[in-house]
Amino acid sequence: MILGLDTQGFPLWAGEPLDLPPKERAVLELLIRKRPHVVGKQAFADAAWAGRPMSDESLARCISRLRRALPGSAPGQGEPFRA
């Protein structure tokens, strides 16, 4: 994948900005900044949910929407998401 961040921290695909909803954008930014390390659930809650309660289901939905939004990205269920 050709993922990066612009100078303001917005995700880029092949140098072009990705039009993502705020939570998906925050999750992808976190994954890009932390790669190749594993990101814990609390880090996602802090980055995208701003301290509000986050369920496992809401995080899974967010990751699923993010996967569908990335060009050429269609990992199967159970495959790790690699930024």
N, C-alpha and C. Protein backbone atom coordinates (compact mmCIF):
# COMPACT_ATOMS: atom_id res chain seq x y z
N MET A 1 0.84 -1.18 0.00
CA MET A 1 0.00 0.00 0.00
C MET A 1 0.88 1.24 0.00
N ILE A 2 0.37 2.26 -0.60
CA ILE A 2 1.09 3.51 -0.70
C ILE A 2 0.40 4.53 0.20
N LEU A 3 0.54 4.34 1.49
CA LEU A 3 -0.10 5.22 2.46
C LEU A 3 0.91 6.15 3.10
N GLY A 4 0.47 7.36 3.38
CA GLY A 4 1.30 8.33 4.07
C GLY A 4 0.43 9.39 4.71
N LEU A 5 1.07 10.40 5.25
CA LEU A 5 0.35 11.51 5.88
C LEU A 5 0.87 12.81 5.30
N ASP A 6 -0.04 13.78 5.16
CA ASP A 6 0.42 15.10 4.73
C ASP A 6 0.96 15.85 5.94
N THR A 7 1.35 17.10 5.76
CA THR A 7 1.97 17.86 6.84
C THR A 7 1.02 18.15 7.99
N GLN A 8 -0.29 18.04 7.74
CA GLN A 8 -1.28 18.27 8.79
C GLN A 8 -1.77 16.97 9.41
N GLY A 9 -1.21 15.83 8.98
CA GLY A 9 -1.59 14.54 9.54
C GLY A 9 -2.75 13.86 8.85
N PHE A 10 -3.20 14.38 7.70
CA PHE A 10 -4.29 13.75 6.97
C PHE A 10 -3.75 12.61 6.10
N PRO A 11 -4.44 11.46 6.09
CA PRO A 11 -3.98 10.32 5.30
C PRO A 11 -3.97 10.58 3.80
N LEU A 12 -2.93 10.06 3.16
CA LEU A 12 -2.77 10.15 1.72
C LEU A 12 -2.66 8.76 1.13
N TRP A 13 -3.19 8.58 -0.07
CA TRP A 13 -3.03 7.34 -0.83
C TRP A 13 -2.32 7.74 -2.12
N ALA A 14 -1.12 7.22 -2.32
CA ALA A 14 -0.32 7.54 -3.52
C ALA A 14 -0.19 9.05 -3.69
N GLY A 15 -0.03 9.76 -2.57
CA GLY A 15 0.16 11.20 -2.60
C GLY A 15 -1.11 12.02 -2.68
N GLU A 16 -2.25 11.37 -2.80
CA GLU A 16 -3.54 12.07 -2.90
C GLU A 16 -4.31 11.93 -1.60
N PRO A 17 -4.97 13.02 -1.15
CA PRO A 17 -5.74 12.95 0.10
C PRO A 17 -6.91 11.97 -0.01
N LEU A 18 -7.15 11.27 1.08
CA LEU A 18 -8.28 10.36 1.17
C LEU A 18 -9.45 11.09 1.82
N ASP A 19 -10.61 11.00 1.22
CA ASP A 19 -11.81 11.62 1.77
C ASP A 19 -12.47 10.61 2.70
N LEU A 20 -12.19 10.74 3.99
CA LEU A 20 -12.68 9.79 4.99
C LEU A 20 -13.46 10.52 6.07
N PRO A 21 -14.46 9.85 6.65
CA PRO A 21 -15.14 10.42 7.82
C PRO A 21 -14.14 10.58 8.97
N PRO A 22 -14.44 11.43 9.93
CA PRO A 22 -13.48 11.74 11.01
C PRO A 22 -12.94 10.53 11.77
N LYS A 23 -13.79 9.60 12.16
CA LYS A 23 -13.29 8.44 12.94
C LYS A 23 -12.36 7.58 12.10
N GLU A 24 -12.76 7.30 10.86
CA GLU A 24 -11.93 6.48 9.99
C GLU A 24 -10.60 7.17 9.72
N ARG A 25 -10.65 8.48 9.52
CA ARG A 25 -9.42 9.25 9.29
C ARG A 25 -8.50 9.18 10.50
N ALA A 26 -9.06 9.32 11.70
CA ALA A 26 -8.26 9.26 12.92
C ALA A 26 -7.65 7.87 13.13
N VAL A 27 -8.43 6.82 12.84
CA VAL A 27 -7.93 5.45 12.98
C VAL A 27 -6.79 5.21 11.99
N LEU A 28 -6.97 5.62 10.73
CA LEU A 28 -5.92 5.40 9.74
C LEU A 28 -4.68 6.22 10.07
N GLU A 29 -4.86 7.45 10.51
CA GLU A 29 -3.71 8.26 10.92
C GLU A 29 -2.93 7.57 12.02
N LEU A 30 -3.62 7.05 13.01
CA LEU A 30 -2.97 6.34 14.12
C LEU A 30 -2.20 5.12 13.61
N LEU A 31 -2.83 4.34 12.74
CA LEU A 31 -2.17 3.15 12.21
C LEU A 31 -0.92 3.50 11.41
N ILE A 32 -1.00 4.57 10.62
CA ILE A 32 0.16 4.98 9.84
C ILE A 32 1.28 5.46 10.75
N ARG A 33 0.94 6.26 11.74
CA ARG A 33 1.97 6.79 12.66
C ARG A 33 2.64 5.69 13.49
N LYS A 34 1.88 4.66 13.84
CA LYS A 34 2.40 3.61 14.72
C LYS A 34 3.01 2.43 13.98
N ARG A 35 2.85 2.37 12.64
CA ARG A 35 3.36 1.20 11.93
C ARG A 35 4.84 1.04 12.16
N PRO A 36 5.36 -0.14 12.28
CA PRO A 36 4.78 -1.46 12.11
C PRO A 36 4.28 -2.06 13.43
N HIS A 37 4.08 -1.24 14.42
CA HIS A 37 3.69 -1.75 15.74
C HIS A 37 2.19 -2.03 15.83
N VAL A 38 1.84 -2.93 16.73
CA VAL A 38 0.45 -3.23 17.02
C VAL A 38 -0.14 -2.07 17.80
N VAL A 39 -1.37 -1.69 17.47
CA VAL A 39 -2.05 -0.59 18.15
C VAL A 39 -3.10 -1.17 19.08
N GLY A 40 -3.06 -0.78 20.33
CA GLY A 40 -4.01 -1.27 21.33
C GLY A 40 -5.35 -0.56 21.27
N LYS A 41 -6.33 -1.21 21.84
CA LYS A 41 -7.70 -0.69 21.84
C LYS A 41 -7.78 0.70 22.48
N GLN A 42 -7.07 0.92 23.56
CA GLN A 42 -7.14 2.23 24.24
C GLN A 42 -6.60 3.34 23.35
N ALA A 43 -5.58 3.05 22.55
CA ALA A 43 -5.04 4.06 21.63
C ALA A 43 -6.09 4.47 20.60
N PHE A 44 -6.87 3.49 20.10
CA PHE A 44 -7.95 3.82 19.17
C PHE A 44 -9.01 4.68 19.87
N ALA A 45 -9.37 4.30 21.09
CA ALA A 45 -10.37 5.06 21.84
C ALA A 45 -9.91 6.50 22.05
N ASP A 46 -8.65 6.68 22.40
CA ASP A 46 -8.12 8.02 22.63
C ASP A 46 -8.08 8.85 21.35
N ALA A 47 -7.67 8.22 20.25
CA ALA A 47 -7.49 8.95 18.99
C ALA A 47 -8.81 9.26 18.28
N ALA A 48 -9.70 8.30 18.21
CA ALA A 48 -10.89 8.47 17.37
C ALA A 48 -12.17 8.70 18.15
N TRP A 49 -12.22 8.27 19.39
CA TRP A 49 -13.45 8.42 20.17
C TRP A 49 -13.29 9.51 21.23
N ALA A 50 -12.15 10.11 21.30
CA ALA A 50 -11.88 11.25 22.20
C ALA A 50 -12.36 11.00 23.63
N GLY A 51 -12.08 9.80 24.14
CA GLY A 51 -12.42 9.50 25.52
C GLY A 51 -13.84 9.03 25.74
N ARG A 52 -14.68 9.08 24.70
CA ARG A 52 -16.04 8.57 24.84
C ARG A 52 -16.00 7.05 24.82
N PRO A 53 -16.99 6.38 25.37
CA PRO A 53 -17.00 4.92 25.37
C PRO A 53 -16.94 4.36 23.94
N MET A 54 -16.14 3.32 23.78
CA MET A 54 -15.98 2.67 22.47
C MET A 54 -16.15 1.17 22.67
N SER A 55 -17.08 0.59 21.95
CA SER A 55 -17.27 -0.86 22.05
C SER A 55 -16.40 -1.56 21.01
N ASP A 56 -16.19 -2.85 21.23
CA ASP A 56 -15.45 -3.64 20.24
C ASP A 56 -16.16 -3.60 18.90
N GLU A 57 -17.49 -3.63 18.94
CA GLU A 57 -18.29 -3.61 17.71
C GLU A 57 -18.11 -2.30 16.94
N SER A 58 -18.10 -1.18 17.65
CA SER A 58 -17.95 0.11 16.96
C SER A 58 -16.56 0.23 16.34
N LEU A 59 -15.54 -0.28 17.01
CA LEU A 59 -14.20 -0.27 16.44
C LEU A 59 -14.14 -1.18 15.21
N ALA A 60 -14.74 -2.36 15.28
CA ALA A 60 -14.75 -3.28 14.14
C ALA A 60 -15.47 -2.67 12.95
N ARG A 61 -16.60 -1.98 13.20
CA ARG A 61 -17.32 -1.32 12.10
C ARG A 61 -16.47 -0.23 11.46
N CYS A 62 -15.77 0.52 12.29
CA CYS A 62 -14.92 1.60 11.79
C CYS A 62 -13.81 1.03 10.91
N ILE A 63 -13.16 -0.03 11.35
CA ILE A 63 -12.09 -0.67 10.57
C ILE A 63 -12.66 -1.23 9.27
N SER A 64 -13.84 -1.83 9.33
CA SER A 64 -14.47 -2.38 8.14
C SER A 64 -14.76 -1.28 7.11
N ARG A 65 -15.31 -0.17 7.57
CA ARG A 65 -15.59 0.96 6.66
C ARG A 65 -14.28 1.51 6.08
N LEU A 66 -13.25 1.55 6.90
CA LEU A 66 -11.95 2.04 6.44
C LEU A 66 -11.38 1.12 5.36
N ARG A 67 -11.46 -0.18 5.57
CA ARG A 67 -10.97 -1.13 4.57
C ARG A 67 -11.69 -0.95 3.24
N ARG A 68 -13.01 -0.76 3.29
CA ARG A 68 -13.78 -0.58 2.05
C ARG A 68 -13.43 0.73 1.35
N ALA A 69 -13.03 1.74 2.12
CA ALA A 69 -12.74 3.06 1.55
C ALA A 69 -11.38 3.13 0.87
N LEU A 70 -10.47 2.22 1.21
CA LEU A 70 -9.13 2.28 0.63
C LEU A 70 -9.11 1.64 -0.75
N PRO A 71 -8.59 2.35 -1.75
CA PRO A 71 -8.52 1.80 -3.10
C PRO A 71 -7.71 0.50 -3.13
N GLY A 72 -8.27 -0.51 -3.77
CA GLY A 72 -7.55 -1.77 -3.95
C GLY A 72 -7.35 -2.58 -2.69
N SER A 73 -8.03 -2.23 -1.62
CA SER A 73 -7.86 -2.93 -0.35
C SER A 73 -9.12 -3.71 -0.04
N ALA A 74 -8.99 -5.04 -0.03
CA ALA A 74 -10.14 -5.87 0.31
C ALA A 74 -9.68 -7.08 1.10
N PRO A 75 -8.99 -6.85 2.25
CA PRO A 75 -8.57 -8.00 3.03
C PRO A 75 -9.77 -8.79 3.52
N GLY A 76 -9.60 -10.09 3.61
CA GLY A 76 -10.67 -10.95 4.10
C GLY A 76 -10.81 -10.84 5.61
N GLN A 77 -11.91 -11.30 6.08
CA GLN A 77 -12.18 -11.25 7.51
C GLN A 77 -11.11 -12.05 8.25
N GLY A 78 -10.57 -11.48 9.29
CA GLY A 78 -9.56 -12.15 10.08
C GLY A 78 -8.13 -11.83 9.66
N GLU A 79 -7.96 -11.18 8.51
CA GLU A 79 -6.63 -10.78 8.08
C GLU A 79 -6.27 -9.50 8.78
N PRO A 80 -5.01 -9.35 9.19
CA PRO A 80 -4.61 -8.11 9.86
C PRO A 80 -4.65 -6.92 8.91
N PHE A 81 -5.00 -5.78 9.46
CA PHE A 81 -4.98 -4.54 8.69
C PHE A 81 -3.58 -3.98 8.81
N ARG A 82 -2.92 -3.77 7.71
CA ARG A 82 -1.56 -3.23 7.73
C ARG A 82 -1.54 -1.90 7.02
N ALA A 83 -1.17 -0.87 7.76
CA ALA A 83 -1.09 0.48 7.16
C ALA A 83 0.26 0.69 6.54
